[in-house]
Amino acid sequence: MNDSVLPTIAITGFGVAFFHSAIPTHWLPFVLAARAQRWSHSKTLAVTALAGTGHVIVTALLGLAIAGFGIAVSDHIGAWFPRIAGGMLLLLGAFYLYRQSTGKGHAHHHLFCGHDHVHVGELEHEHHHAAPPVSSREAAPSDRIAITSLLTLLTFSPCEAFLPIYASGVRYGWAGFALLTAILSIGTVLGMVIFTWLTLAGVERIKLGLLEKYESGLIGSLLCAVGLLIIFFEK
């Protein structure tokens, strides 16, 4: 086993998680809710971090199933496992690159929740037409509805792009799983909080749409690179 491959997998995993968190629906809905509910910046960022944590937990649970199965079969597959895992990463990476080349790189679909992401322009348009401030009498129940909706939006829509990263770390056992889960947590929550804070700070005109537009290409390239690395260097 080549232990030098794990740091590369971890760095790639951070990139996948961070780029994934740059998708507008991972931060702009929190800004819209904050404007409508008159939340403070600190409360908005706290809700964002909480939703990001739920997003990570569901993804990690799916990764746990992948890791448990992979660790069990790795003992039987032996030397073939790196080729199988690397091949799966190459296939998935090729799919993301194909989606980018056909102009669908910005249309991110969640595999488990059945909804499409809203485009940056659509969210910005809504941002400029935010709902009027609510009265103090309505604030408490509407806050609960807003927060529950935001948590549900991300908690039940795991980061499917990170699941192959879990598969690529199976050879490193549960320690590898724990490391990748920490990477997923940091990359996802940090990214969501940063992009939410930037928008709250008034720099929403930053060209974050480029990250959304080329998300599939970026993730596809990272997955293909790790797939090749595992096939040729993981022993």
Foldseek 3Di string as FASTA:
>chain_A
DDPVLLVLLLVLLLVLLQLVCLQCLLALLLVLLCQQLVNDLVVSLVLSLLLLVLQLVLQLVLLVVLLVVLLVCCVVCPPCLLLVLLVVLLVLLVVLQVCLVVQNLLFDAQPFPGDTGDAPVVSVVCSVVGDDHDDPVCNVVVVVVSSVVSSVVRNRRHSPLSSSSSSNQSVVHPVSSVSSSVSSSCSNSVSNSVLNVCVVVPNSVPVSSVSSSCVSVSSSVSSNVSSVCSVPPPD
